[in-house]
C-alpha atoms as a PDB file:
ATOM      1  CA  MET A   1      23.355 -10.691 -49.116  1.00  0.00           C
ATOM      2  CA  GLY A   2      23.396  -9.709 -45.569  1.00  0.00           C
ATOM      3  CA  LEU A   3      23.647 -11.407 -42.130  1.00  0.00           C
ATOM      4  CA  ASP A   4      21.477 -14.504 -41.666  1.00  0.00           C
ATOM      5  CA  THR A   5      23.552 -16.372 -38.995  1.00  0.00           C
ATOM      6  CA  VAL A   6      24.729 -15.682 -35.615  1.00  0.00           C
ATOM      7  CA  ILE A   7      27.261 -17.829 -33.672  1.00  0.00           C
ATOM      8  CA  PHE A   8      28.076 -17.397 -29.918  1.00  0.00           C
ATOM      9  CA  ASP A   9      31.061 -18.425 -28.042  1.00  0.00           C
ATOM     10  CA  MET A  10      30.113 -20.038 -24.607  1.00  0.00           C
ATOM     11  CA  ASP A  11      32.547 -19.619 -21.589  1.00  0.00           C
ATOM     12  CA  GLY A  12      32.479 -16.041 -20.349  1.00  0.00           C
ATOM     13  CA  LEU A  13      29.909 -14.987 -22.893  1.00  0.00           C
ATOM     14  CA  LEU A  14      26.776 -17.019 -22.157  1.00  0.00           C
ATOM     15  CA  ILE A  15      27.707 -18.461 -18.760  1.00  0.00           C
ATOM     16  CA  ASP A  16      29.799 -16.871 -16.162  1.00  0.00           C
ATOM     17  CA  SER A  17      32.584 -19.632 -16.235  1.00  0.00           C
ATOM     18  CA  GLU A  18      35.740 -17.702 -16.838  1.00  0.00           C
ATOM     19  CA  PRO A  19      36.189 -17.189 -12.999  1.00  0.00           C
ATOM     20  CA  LEU A  20      35.350 -20.872 -12.516  1.00  0.00           C
ATOM     21  CA  TRP A  21      38.085 -21.811 -15.008  1.00  0.00           C
ATOM     22  CA  HIS A  22      40.484 -19.536 -13.224  1.00  0.00           C
ATOM     23  CA  GLU A  23      39.654 -21.206  -9.936  1.00  0.00           C
ATOM     24  CA  ALA A  24      40.085 -24.688 -11.333  1.00  0.00           C
ATOM     25  CA  ALA A  25      43.337 -23.864 -12.926  1.00  0.00           C
ATOM     26  CA  ASN A  26      44.679 -22.476  -9.798  1.00  0.00           C
ATOM     27  CA  ASP A  27      43.306 -25.402  -7.660  1.00  0.00           C
ATOM     28  CA  VAL A  28      45.043 -27.792  -9.818  1.00  0.00           C
ATOM     29  CA  MET A  29      48.349 -25.918 -10.857  1.00  0.00           C
ATOM     30  CA  ILE A  30      49.087 -24.892  -7.329  1.00  0.00           C
ATOM     31  CA  LYS A  31      49.987 -28.498  -6.622  1.00  0.00           C
ATOM     32  CA  LEU A  32      52.622 -27.904  -9.329  1.00  0.00           C
ATOM     33  CA  GLY A  33      53.889 -24.930  -7.607  1.00  0.00           C
ATOM     34  CA  VAL A  34      52.169 -22.334  -9.894  1.00  0.00           C
ATOM     35  CA  THR A  35      49.656 -19.626  -9.262  1.00  0.00           C
ATOM     36  CA  LEU A  36      48.250 -17.375 -11.876  1.00  0.00           C
ATOM     37  CA  ASP A  37      47.122 -14.001 -11.059  1.00  0.00           C
ATOM     38  CA  GLU A  38      44.103 -12.502 -13.139  1.00  0.00           C
ATOM     39  CA  GLU A  39      46.409 -10.455 -15.513  1.00  0.00           C
ATOM     40  CA  SER A  40      48.389 -13.571 -16.331  1.00  0.00           C
ATOM     41  CA  TYR A  41      45.380 -15.787 -16.587  1.00  0.00           C
ATOM     42  CA  ALA A  42      43.738 -13.354 -19.021  1.00  0.00           C
ATOM     43  CA  THR A  43      46.491 -13.572 -21.758  1.00  0.00           C
ATOM     44  CA  THR A  44      45.406 -17.149 -22.251  1.00  0.00           C
ATOM     45  CA  ILE A  45      41.596 -16.808 -22.225  1.00  0.00           C
ATOM     46  CA  GLY A  46      39.978 -18.460 -25.095  1.00  0.00           C
ATOM     47  CA  LEU A  47      42.616 -21.119 -25.696  1.00  0.00           C
ATOM     48  CA  ARG A  48      41.747 -24.859 -25.209  1.00  0.00           C
ATOM     49  CA  THR A  49      42.957 -26.221 -21.908  1.00  0.00           C
ATOM     50  CA  ARG A  50      45.712 -28.184 -23.646  1.00  0.00           C
ATOM     51  CA  GLU A  51      47.255 -24.994 -25.317  1.00  0.00           C
ATOM     52  CA  PHE A  52      46.728 -23.068 -22.013  1.00  0.00           C
ATOM     53  CA  LEU A  53      48.773 -25.738 -20.306  1.00  0.00           C
ATOM     54  CA  GLN A  54      51.436 -26.122 -22.929  1.00  0.00           C
ATOM     55  CA  TYR A  55      51.889 -22.385 -22.603  1.00  0.00           C
ATOM     56  CA  TRP A  56      52.258 -22.268 -18.900  1.00  0.00           C
ATOM     57  CA  PHE A  57      53.977 -25.654 -18.433  1.00  0.00           C
ATOM     58  CA  LYS A  58      56.806 -24.223 -20.881  1.00  0.00           C
ATOM     59  CA  ASN A  59      56.676 -20.843 -19.094  1.00  0.00           C
ATOM     60  CA  PHE A  60      57.169 -22.497 -15.693  1.00  0.00           C
ATOM     61  CA  GLY A  61      59.495 -25.594 -16.808  1.00  0.00           C
ATOM     62  CA  ILE A  62      56.833 -28.005 -15.587  1.00  0.00           C
ATOM     63  CA  ASN A  63      57.167 -31.647 -16.909  1.00  0.00           C
ATOM     64  CA  PRO A  64      54.953 -31.886 -20.126  1.00  0.00           C
ATOM     65  CA  ALA A  65      54.199 -35.675 -19.263  1.00  0.00           C
ATOM     66  CA  LEU A  66      51.883 -34.268 -16.520  1.00  0.00           C
ATOM     67  CA  ALA A  67      49.833 -32.209 -19.012  1.00  0.00           C
ATOM     68  CA  ALA A  68      47.203 -34.598 -19.882  1.00  0.00           C
ATOM     69  CA  GLU A  69      46.156 -35.680 -16.329  1.00  0.00           C
ATOM     70  CA  THR A  70      46.215 -31.858 -15.425  1.00  0.00           C
ATOM     71  CA  GLU A  71      43.973 -31.157 -18.345  1.00  0.00           C
ATOM     72  CA  GLU A  72      41.451 -33.651 -17.315  1.00  0.00           C
ATOM     73  CA  GLU A  73      41.485 -32.610 -13.651  1.00  0.00           C
ATOM     74  CA  ILE A  74      40.957 -28.952 -14.519  1.00  0.00           C
ATOM     75  CA  THR A  75      38.004 -29.924 -16.823  1.00  0.00           C
ATOM     76  CA  GLN A  76      36.311 -32.058 -14.276  1.00  0.00           C
ATOM     77  CA  GLN A  77      36.636 -29.388 -11.697  1.00  0.00           C
ATOM     78  CA  VAL A  78      35.103 -26.732 -14.069  1.00  0.00           C
ATOM     79  CA  ILE A  79      32.102 -29.216 -14.738  1.00  0.00           C
ATOM     80  CA  PHE A  80      31.601 -29.590 -11.168  1.00  0.00           C
ATOM     81  CA  LYS A  81      31.602 -25.806 -10.448  1.00  0.00           C
ATOM     82  CA  VAL A  82      29.483 -25.168 -13.479  1.00  0.00           C
ATOM     83  CA  MET A  83      26.826 -27.670 -12.260  1.00  0.00           C
ATOM     84  CA  SER A  84      26.957 -26.101  -8.738  1.00  0.00           C
ATOM     85  CA  ASN A  85      27.351 -22.518  -9.368  1.00  0.00           C
ATOM     86  CA  GLY A  86      27.041 -21.813 -13.329  1.00  0.00           C
ATOM     87  CA  ARG A  87      24.555 -19.045 -14.297  1.00  0.00           C
ATOM     88  CA  LEU A  88      23.689 -17.467 -17.514  1.00  0.00           C
ATOM     89  CA  LEU A  89      24.982 -14.030 -17.914  1.00  0.00           C
ATOM     90  CA  GLU A  90      22.469 -10.941 -18.268  1.00  0.00           C
ATOM     91  CA  GLY A  91      21.070 -10.519 -21.604  1.00  0.00           C
ATOM     92  CA  VAL A  92      21.748 -14.044 -22.958  1.00  0.00           C
ATOM     93  CA  ILE A  93      18.221 -15.251 -23.384  1.00  0.00           C
ATOM     94  CA  GLU A  94      17.017 -11.809 -24.813  1.00  0.00           C
ATOM     95  CA  THR A  95      19.800 -11.908 -27.356  1.00  0.00           C
ATOM     96  CA  LEU A  96      18.930 -15.321 -28.392  1.00  0.00           C
ATOM     97  CA  ASP A  97      15.274 -14.382 -28.691  1.00  0.00           C
ATOM     98  CA  PHE A  98      16.263 -11.429 -30.818  1.00  0.00           C
ATOM     99  CA  PHE A  99      17.837 -13.531 -33.485  1.00  0.00           C
ATOM    100  CA  LYS A 100      15.162 -16.355 -33.284  1.00  0.00           C
ATOM    101  CA  GLU A 101      12.689 -13.700 -34.138  1.00  0.00           C
ATOM    102  CA  LYS A 102      14.693 -12.628 -37.032  1.00  0.00           C
ATOM    103  CA  LYS A 103      14.782 -16.215 -38.188  1.00  0.00           C
ATOM    104  CA  PHE A 104      18.572 -16.456 -38.029  1.00  0.00           C
ATOM    105  CA  ARG A 105      20.421 -19.746 -37.800  1.00  0.00           C
ATOM    106  CA  ILE A 106      22.027 -19.901 -34.305  1.00  0.00           C
ATOM    107  CA  GLY A 107      25.115 -21.654 -33.575  1.00  0.00           C
ATOM    108  CA  LEU A 108      27.568 -22.218 -30.591  1.00  0.00           C
ATOM    109  CA  ALA A 109      31.436 -22.279 -31.285  1.00  0.00           C
ATOM    110  CA  THR A 110      33.619 -23.042 -28.274  1.00  0.00           C
ATOM    111  CA  SER A 111      37.098 -24.207 -27.336  1.00  0.00           C
ATOM    112  CA  SER A 112      35.504 -26.147 -24.523  1.00  0.00           C
ATOM    113  CA  PRO A 113      35.310 -29.933 -24.521  1.00  0.00           C
ATOM    114  CA  THR A 114      31.942 -31.615 -25.306  1.00  0.00           C
ATOM    115  CA  SER A 115      31.616 -32.791 -21.897  1.00  0.00           C
ATOM    116  CA  LEU A 116      31.615 -29.130 -20.528  1.00  0.00           C
ATOM    117  CA  ILE A 117      29.409 -28.176 -23.318  1.00  0.00           C
ATOM    118  CA  ASP A 118      26.930 -30.799 -22.097  1.00  0.00           C
ATOM    119  CA  ALA A 119      27.134 -29.631 -18.559  1.00  0.00           C
ATOM    120  CA  VAL A 120      26.483 -25.973 -19.505  1.00  0.00           C
ATOM    121  CA  VAL A 121      23.413 -26.644 -21.750  1.00  0.00           C
ATOM    122  CA  LEU A 122      22.153 -28.993 -19.109  1.00  0.00           C
ATOM    123  CA  LYS A 123      22.617 -26.516 -16.205  1.00  0.00           C
ATOM    124  CA  THR A 124      21.086 -23.634 -18.125  1.00  0.00           C
ATOM    125  CA  ASN A 125      18.548 -25.433 -20.351  1.00  0.00           C
ATOM    126  CA  ILE A 126      19.422 -23.865 -23.590  1.00  0.00           C
ATOM    127  CA  ARG A 127      20.377 -26.576 -25.823  1.00  0.00           C
ATOM    128  CA  GLY A 128      17.264 -26.407 -27.852  1.00  0.00           C
ATOM    129  CA  ARG A 129      17.946 -22.801 -28.718  1.00  0.00           C
ATOM    130  CA  PHE A 130      21.084 -23.693 -30.905  1.00  0.00           C
ATOM    131  CA  ASP A 131      20.675 -25.197 -34.486  1.00  0.00           C
ATOM    132  CA  ALA A 132      24.440 -26.461 -34.325  1.00  0.00           C
ATOM    133  CA  ILE A 133      27.130 -26.592 -31.687  1.00  0.00           C
ATOM    134  CA  SER A 134      30.796 -26.997 -32.562  1.00  0.00           C
ATOM    135  CA  SER A 135      33.573 -27.672 -30.176  1.00  0.00           C
ATOM    136  CA  ALA A 136      37.384 -27.276 -30.967  1.00  0.00           C
ATOM    137  CA  GLU A 137      38.183 -30.242 -28.722  1.00  0.00           C
ATOM    138  CA  HIS A 138      39.293 -32.571 -31.364  1.00  0.00           C
ATOM    139  CA  LEU A 139      40.493 -30.005 -33.846  1.00  0.00           C
ATOM    140  CA  PRO A 140      44.192 -29.808 -34.835  1.00  0.00           C
ATOM    141  CA  ASN A 141      44.140 -26.170 -33.696  1.00  0.00           C
ATOM    142  CA  GLY A 142      41.789 -24.294 -31.476  1.00  0.00           C
ATOM    143  CA  LYS A 143      41.193 -20.592 -31.124  1.00  0.00           C
ATOM    144  CA  PRO A 144      42.651 -18.174 -32.349  1.00  0.00           C
ATOM    145  CA  HIS A 145      42.438 -20.515 -35.252  1.00  0.00           C
ATOM    146  CA  PRO A 146      39.186 -20.031 -37.144  1.00  0.00           C
ATOM    147  CA  GLN A 147      38.375 -23.723 -37.781  1.00  0.00           C
ATOM    148  CA  VAL A 148      35.769 -24.067 -34.965  1.00  0.00           C
ATOM    149  CA  TYR A 149      33.785 -21.143 -36.416  1.00  0.00           C
ATOM    150  CA  LEU A 150      34.039 -22.370 -39.965  1.00  0.00           C
ATOM    151  CA  ASP A 151      32.824 -25.860 -38.903  1.00  0.00           C
ATOM    152  CA  CYS A 152      29.902 -24.356 -37.056  1.00  0.00           C
ATOM    153  CA  ALA A 153      28.907 -22.239 -40.117  1.00  0.00           C
ATOM    154  CA  ALA A 154      29.206 -25.485 -42.306  1.00  0.00           C
ATOM    155  CA  LEU A 155      26.963 -27.257 -39.835  1.00  0.00           C
ATOM    156  CA  LEU A 156      24.358 -24.446 -40.170  1.00  0.00           C
ATOM    157  CA  GLY A 157      24.610 -24.417 -43.916  1.00  0.00           C
ATOM    158  CA  SER A 158      25.774 -20.648 -43.820  1.00  0.00           C
ATOM    159  CA  HIS A 159      28.596 -18.695 -45.541  1.00  0.00           C
ATOM    160  CA  PRO A 160      31.145 -17.367 -43.271  1.00  0.00           C
ATOM    161  CA  VAL A 161      30.473 -13.727 -44.584  1.00  0.00           C
ATOM    162  CA  ASN A 162      26.976 -14.005 -43.644  1.00  0.00           C
ATOM    163  CA  CYS A 163      27.801 -14.850 -39.982  1.00  0.00           C
ATOM    164  CA  LEU A 164      27.901 -12.496 -36.945  1.00  0.00           C
ATOM    165  CA  CYS A 165      29.842 -13.857 -33.855  1.00  0.00           C
ATOM    166  CA  PHE A 166      29.672 -12.867 -30.200  1.00  0.00           C
ATOM    167  CA  GLU A 167      33.033 -13.255 -28.387  1.00  0.00           C
ATOM    168  CA  ASP A 168      34.481 -12.110 -24.943  1.00  0.00           C
ATOM    169  CA  SER A 169      37.983 -13.093 -25.494  1.00  0.00           C
ATOM    170  CA  PHE A 170      40.733 -11.764 -27.696  1.00  0.00           C
ATOM    171  CA  ASN A 171      41.661 -15.094 -29.022  1.00  0.00           C
ATOM    172  CA  GLY A 172      38.028 -15.740 -29.829  1.00  0.00           C
ATOM    173  CA  MET A 173      37.847 -12.554 -31.627  1.00  0.00           C
ATOM    174  CA  ILE A 174      40.863 -13.141 -33.832  1.00  0.00           C
ATOM    175  CA  ALA A 175      39.300 -16.505 -34.746  1.00  0.00           C
ATOM    176  CA  ALA A 176      36.065 -14.943 -35.834  1.00  0.00           C
ATOM    177  CA  LYS A 177      37.669 -12.344 -37.908  1.00  0.00           C
ATOM    178  CA  ALA A 178      39.981 -14.905 -39.517  1.00  0.00           C
ATOM    179  CA  ALA A 179      36.957 -16.838 -40.592  1.00  0.00           C
ATOM    180  CA  ARG A 180      35.782 -13.737 -42.323  1.00  0.00           C
ATOM    181  CA  MET A 181      32.930 -13.254 -39.991  1.00  0.00           C
ATOM    182  CA  LYS A 182      31.653  -9.986 -38.227  1.00  0.00           C
ATOM    183  CA  CYS A 183      32.325 -10.064 -34.556  1.00  0.00           C
ATOM    184  CA  VAL A 184      30.849  -8.223 -31.604  1.00  0.00           C
ATOM    185  CA  VAL A 185      33.000  -8.413 -28.599  1.00  0.00           C
ATOM    186  CA  VAL A 186      31.569  -8.395 -24.843  1.00  0.00           C
ATOM    187  CA  PRO A 187      34.741  -8.123 -22.827  1.00  0.00           C
ATOM    188  CA  ALA A 188      34.944  -8.935 -19.115  1.00  0.00           C
ATOM    189  CA  PRO A 189      34.686  -5.414 -17.082  1.00  0.00           C
ATOM    190  CA  HIS A 190      38.540  -5.406 -16.407  1.00  0.00           C
ATOM    191  CA  ALA A 191      39.294  -5.650 -19.940  1.00  0.00           C
ATOM    192  CA  LEU A 192      36.889  -3.398 -21.418  1.00  0.00           C
ATOM    193  CA  ASN A 193      39.297  -0.700 -22.440  1.00  0.00           C
ATOM    194  CA  ASN A 194      41.905  -2.961 -24.067  1.00  0.00           C
ATOM    195  CA  LYS A 195      42.969  -1.397 -27.376  1.00  0.00           C
ATOM    196  CA  GLY A 196      43.057  -4.899 -29.000  1.00  0.00           C
ATOM    197  CA  TRP A 197      39.158  -4.796 -29.287  1.00  0.00           C
ATOM    198  CA  GLU A 198      39.425  -2.331 -32.108  1.00  0.00           C
ATOM    199  CA  ALA A 199      39.813  -5.159 -34.331  1.00  0.00           C
ATOM    200  CA  ALA A 200      36.216  -6.120 -33.644  1.00  0.00           C
ATOM    201  CA  ASP A 201      33.342  -4.724 -35.590  1.00  0.00           C
ATOM    202  CA  LEU A 202      31.629  -3.568 -32.389  1.00  0.00           C
ATOM    203  CA  LYS A 203      32.328  -3.528 -28.625  1.00  0.00           C
ATOM    204  CA  ILE A 204      29.610  -3.574 -25.844  1.00  0.00           C
ATOM    205  CA  SER A 205      29.918  -3.929 -22.354  1.00  0.00           C
ATOM    206  CA  ASN A 206      26.899  -6.393 -21.689  1.00  0.00           C
ATOM    207  CA  LEU A 207      24.584  -8.451 -24.007  1.00  0.00           C
ATOM    208  CA  ARG A 208      21.573  -6.863 -22.509  1.00  0.00           C
ATOM    209  CA  HIS A 209      22.663  -3.615 -24.464  1.00  0.00           C
ATOM    210  CA  PHE A 210      22.275  -5.475 -27.823  1.00  0.00           C
ATOM    211  CA  ASP A 211      19.337  -4.185 -29.599  1.00  0.00           C
ATOM    212  CA  GLU A 212      17.957  -3.331 -33.039  1.00  0.00           C
ATOM    213  CA  ASN A 213      19.828  -0.029 -33.307  1.00  0.00           C
ATOM    214  CA  ILE A 214      23.218  -1.911 -32.697  1.00  0.00           C
ATOM    215  CA  PHE A 215      22.129  -4.625 -35.027  1.00  0.00           C
ATOM    216  CA  SER A 216      21.410  -2.161 -37.727  1.00  0.00           C
ATOM    217  CA  GLN A 217      25.029  -0.815 -37.658  1.00  0.00           C
ATOM    218  CA  LEU A 218      26.208  -4.340 -38.346  1.00  0.00           C
ATOM    219  CA  ASN A 219      23.687  -5.066 -41.094  1.00  0.00           C
ATOM    220  CA  PRO A 220      22.922  -1.947 -42.754  1.00  0.00           C
END
């Protein structure tokens, strides 16, 4: 049996929110004496905010008691930035339409909290395009753990091996592959040549490049 389900990540794949996360993180963490350059920030893309903060708090010796309020402040800043400046990335609607025409079950699986998911789908008017939405917010482990993808597949009534995932982060790719799903990665331009993407089933530079020829390589 071939592919019958597609599951999308959200941040950096459907909406151009990764720069907004980076801005928000720096806006908040500079108060703690920390600034993350693009290369450093990129190493933790795909993690939940709590794991992002656990990593950097430990790295910079910041009091972990400040983590919860820092997480909430970053999240609220991102929501504000998304509602002000968020936009769908090129090719998103066309790719969603592609799979709808094939009568695929369509899901969204993200590390982001439900409050941000709600903001994104409201801003972009895409909620109705998904048959199921799964957040890792309250799971014991976020990406690169596969649970959020497995949960989404279960909500869709799909077997993991029949699922195709789209991801933009290394942590997300690992999560999808650990769930035994096929994975197409759409990296940010500055990360396009990272050799780590070789673990994916396919790499494309932009969702607008996804078409029937590419799909046939994944679902022969």
